[in-house]
Amino acid sequence: MLIIGRVLLGGGIGFGNQVVPLYLSEMALARIRVAVNQLFQFTTCFGILVANLINYFTDEIHPHGRRILLGLSAIPGLLMLVGSIFCAEIPNSLVEQGRFDEARKVLEKIATAVALALNFGHGKELSKSVSYFLIIVIFLFVLAYGRSWGPLGWLVPRELFPLKIRSVAQSIVVCVNTIFTALVA
């Protein structure tokens, strides 16, 4: 049951990682598109941090810690579901459907609204100093990566591919990104 829940959550995250950057790319003004993209990268990393903190604190709750963790993970999904109901349709889609007045209104609404230790992974405890060092190094890596190369994987495909294949290309990029993230992790 827990494995099925994890698989479903992973699928939801994958779909969200494909749809949200594409939506943001279409809806953001050209001059702030990079900032919006970096905000997406930041919120993704912040979400990972929150998930790890929740995982850390619920792991000690026996025997239902993992169930609590899975239940809490449904909250962001529900927030995204409710939030998606209020999102405007992409102007390009409206134009393709011949709904020019609605596309103009949406455009008007858019900016107005404007493993480091040798024994790591072998079941042995790390010393406190090594543990703190690992936390600091991981924090610095995530911070540096999130402000440099990290956002490019979401930004470049959205800007590189023509509108006709952008969604498919973004899906492939997200799939490859997720696979390699899993392999590295």
Protein backbone atom coordinates (compact mmCIF):
# COMPACT_ATOMS: atom_id res chain seq x y z
CA MET A 1 0.00 0.00 0.00
CA LEU A 2 2.80 2.41 0.90
CA ILE A 3 4.67 1.60 -2.31
CA ILE A 4 1.53 2.20 -4.39
CA GLY A 5 1.03 5.50 -2.58
CA ARG A 6 4.62 6.52 -3.32
CA VAL A 7 4.22 5.58 -6.99
CA LEU A 8 1.02 7.63 -7.25
CA LEU A 9 2.67 10.60 -5.54
CA GLY A 10 5.64 10.31 -7.89
CA GLY A 11 3.33 10.31 -10.89
CA GLY A 12 1.54 13.37 -9.58
CA ILE A 13 4.83 15.16 -9.03
CA GLY A 14 5.93 14.23 -12.54
CA PHE A 15 2.75 15.61 -14.08
CA GLY A 16 3.03 18.75 -11.99
CA ASN A 17 6.66 19.23 -13.04
CA GLN A 18 5.58 19.02 -16.66
CA VAL A 19 2.51 21.22 -16.48
CA VAL A 20 3.49 23.98 -14.05
CA PRO A 21 6.67 25.21 -15.83
CA LEU A 22 4.87 25.13 -19.16
CA TYR A 23 1.94 27.07 -17.73
CA LEU A 24 4.24 29.59 -16.08
CA SER A 25 6.14 30.03 -19.33
CA GLU A 26 2.95 30.82 -21.19
CA MET A 27 1.52 33.12 -18.55
CA ALA A 28 4.58 35.07 -17.39
CA LEU A 29 5.59 38.30 -19.03
CA ALA A 30 8.76 37.97 -21.08
CA ARG A 31 10.73 40.34 -18.86
CA ILE A 32 9.98 38.37 -15.66
CA ARG A 33 9.92 34.86 -17.11
CA VAL A 34 13.34 33.96 -15.71
CA ALA A 35 12.37 35.22 -12.24
CA VAL A 36 9.16 33.20 -12.34
CA ASN A 37 11.17 30.16 -13.43
CA GLN A 38 13.60 30.62 -10.55
CA LEU A 39 10.66 30.98 -8.17
CA PHE A 40 9.37 27.62 -9.43
CA GLN A 41 12.82 26.09 -8.82
CA PHE A 42 12.98 27.64 -5.35
CA THR A 43 9.52 26.41 -4.36
CA THR A 44 10.41 22.93 -5.62
CA CYS A 45 13.57 22.87 -3.49
CA PHE A 46 11.71 24.35 -0.53
CA GLY A 47 9.06 21.64 -0.92
CA ILE A 48 11.76 18.99 -0.85
CA LEU A 49 13.14 20.52 2.34
CA VAL A 50 9.70 20.57 3.98
CA ALA A 51 9.05 16.98 2.86
CA ASN A 52 12.35 15.83 4.35
CA LEU A 53 11.63 17.63 7.63
CA ILE A 54 8.19 16.04 7.82
CA ASN A 55 9.72 12.68 6.97
CA TYR A 56 12.30 13.13 9.74
CA PHE A 57 9.76 14.00 12.41
CA THR A 58 7.10 11.45 11.41
CA ASP A 59 9.63 8.61 11.16
CA GLU A 60 9.77 8.40 14.95
CA ILE A 61 6.01 7.99 15.32
CA HIS A 62 5.33 4.27 15.61
CA PRO A 63 3.52 2.43 14.10
CA HIS A 64 1.78 4.99 11.88
CA GLY A 65 4.58 7.41 10.96
CA ARG A 66 4.66 6.47 7.28
CA ARG A 67 0.88 6.68 7.02
CA ILE A 68 0.93 10.15 8.52
CA LEU A 69 3.66 11.12 6.06
CA LEU A 70 1.60 9.92 3.09
CA GLY A 71 -1.50 11.63 4.44
CA LEU A 72 0.35 14.92 4.86
CA SER A 73 1.71 14.63 1.34
CA ALA A 74 -1.85 14.82 0.04
CA ILE A 75 -2.19 18.40 1.32
CA PRO A 76 0.02 20.07 -1.36
CA GLY A 77 -1.71 17.99 -4.02
CA LEU A 78 -5.11 19.13 -2.85
CA LEU A 79 -3.93 22.74 -2.74
CA MET A 80 -2.66 22.42 -6.32
CA LEU A 81 -5.94 20.85 -7.42
CA VAL A 82 -8.01 23.63 -5.88
CA GLY A 83 -5.60 26.27 -7.18
CA SER A 84 -5.74 24.87 -10.70
CA ILE A 85 -9.48 25.46 -10.77
CA PHE A 86 -8.84 29.20 -10.48
CA CYS A 87 -6.03 29.35 -13.06
CA ALA A 88 -6.79 31.15 -16.28
CA GLU A 89 -6.60 29.26 -19.53
CA ILE A 90 -3.42 29.84 -21.55
CA PRO A 91 -3.90 32.64 -24.10
CA ASN A 92 -2.29 30.62 -26.90
CA SER A 93 -4.89 27.89 -26.42
CA LEU A 94 -7.70 30.43 -26.52
CA VAL A 95 -6.33 31.97 -29.73
CA GLU A 96 -6.08 28.52 -31.34
CA GLN A 97 -9.75 28.01 -30.51
CA GLY A 98 -10.65 31.36 -32.06
CA ARG A 99 -11.62 32.88 -28.70
CA PHE A 100 -9.72 36.13 -29.22
CA ASP A 101 -11.68 38.28 -26.77
CA GLU A 102 -11.12 35.81 -23.93
CA ALA A 103 -7.42 35.59 -24.82
CA ARG A 104 -7.17 39.38 -24.67
CA LYS A 105 -8.83 39.42 -21.22
CA VAL A 106 -6.44 36.75 -19.90
CA LEU A 107 -3.47 38.71 -21.22
CA GLU A 108 -4.80 41.83 -19.51
CA LYS A 109 -5.11 39.95 -16.20
CA ILE A 110 -1.48 38.76 -16.47
CA ALA A 111 2.33 41.13 -13.92
CA THR A 112 -1.82 43.68 -13.55
CA ALA A 113 -1.56 40.70 -11.26
CA VAL A 114 1.84 40.62 -11.83
CA ALA A 115 27.47 10.41 -0.40
CA LEU A 116 30.20 12.16 1.25
CA ALA A 117 31.16 10.04 4.25
CA LEU A 118 32.84 6.62 3.82
CA ASN A 119 30.36 4.76 6.03
CA PHE A 120 27.33 6.54 4.60
CA GLY A 121 24.65 4.05 3.55
CA HIS A 122 26.10 1.08 5.41
CA GLY A 123 23.90 1.36 8.50
CA LYS A 124 26.60 3.00 10.61
CA GLU A 125 25.96 6.27 12.39
CA LEU A 126 27.91 9.30 11.33
CA SER A 127 29.58 11.50 13.88
CA LYS A 128 27.86 14.76 14.72
CA SER A 129 30.57 16.83 13.06
CA VAL A 130 30.31 14.83 9.81
CA SER A 131 26.51 15.03 9.96
CA TYR A 132 26.58 18.81 10.37
CA PHE A 133 29.16 19.09 7.59
CA LEU A 134 26.93 17.04 5.26
CA ILE A 135 23.89 19.18 6.04
CA ILE A 136 25.83 22.38 5.36
CA VAL A 137 27.36 21.07 2.12
CA ILE A 138 23.99 19.79 0.86
CA PHE A 139 22.37 23.12 1.74
CA LEU A 140 25.09 25.05 -0.11
CA PHE A 141 24.83 22.75 -3.12
CA VAL A 142 21.05 23.12 -3.34
CA LEU A 143 21.34 26.88 -2.93
CA ALA A 144 24.04 27.22 -5.59
CA TYR A 145 22.43 24.76 -7.99
CA GLY A 146 19.00 26.33 -7.57
CA ARG A 147 20.40 29.77 -8.42
CA SER A 148 22.52 28.62 -11.37
CA TRP A 149 22.09 25.44 -13.42
CA GLY A 150 18.92 24.14 -11.75
CA PRO A 151 16.39 26.44 -13.40
CA LEU A 152 17.86 25.97 -16.87
CA GLY A 153 16.37 22.50 -17.19
CA TRP A 154 12.93 24.05 -16.86
CA LEU A 155 13.54 27.30 -18.74
CA VAL A 156 15.52 26.29 -21.83
CA PRO A 157 13.07 23.67 -23.19
CA ARG A 158 10.16 26.08 -22.79
CA GLU A 159 11.97 28.74 -24.75
CA LEU A 160 13.78 26.51 -27.23
CA PHE A 161 10.99 24.45 -28.75
CA PRO A 162 8.25 25.82 -31.01
CA LEU A 163 4.77 26.11 -29.55
CA LYS A 164 3.51 23.19 -31.62
CA ILE A 165 5.76 20.64 -29.86
CA ARG A 166 6.53 22.53 -26.63
CA SER A 167 4.28 20.43 -24.42
CA VAL A 168 5.66 17.12 -25.71
CA ALA A 169 9.24 18.39 -25.49
CA GLN A 170 8.68 19.59 -21.92
CA SER A 171 7.25 16.18 -21.03
CA ILE A 172 10.36 14.45 -22.38
CA VAL A 173 12.65 16.86 -20.54
CA VAL A 174 10.80 16.29 -17.25
CA CYS A 175 10.91 12.52 -17.77
CA VAL A 176 14.66 12.51 -18.44
CA ASN A 177 15.26 14.93 -15.56
CA THR A 178 13.29 12.76 -13.15
CA ILE A 179 15.00 9.52 -14.28
CA PHE A 180 18.47 10.97 -13.84
CA THR A 181 17.52 12.55 -10.51
CA ALA A 182 16.39 9.11 -9.33
CA LEU A 183 19.60 7.52 -10.58
CA VAL A 184 21.77 10.11 -8.84
CA ALA A 185 19.75 9.91 -5.64
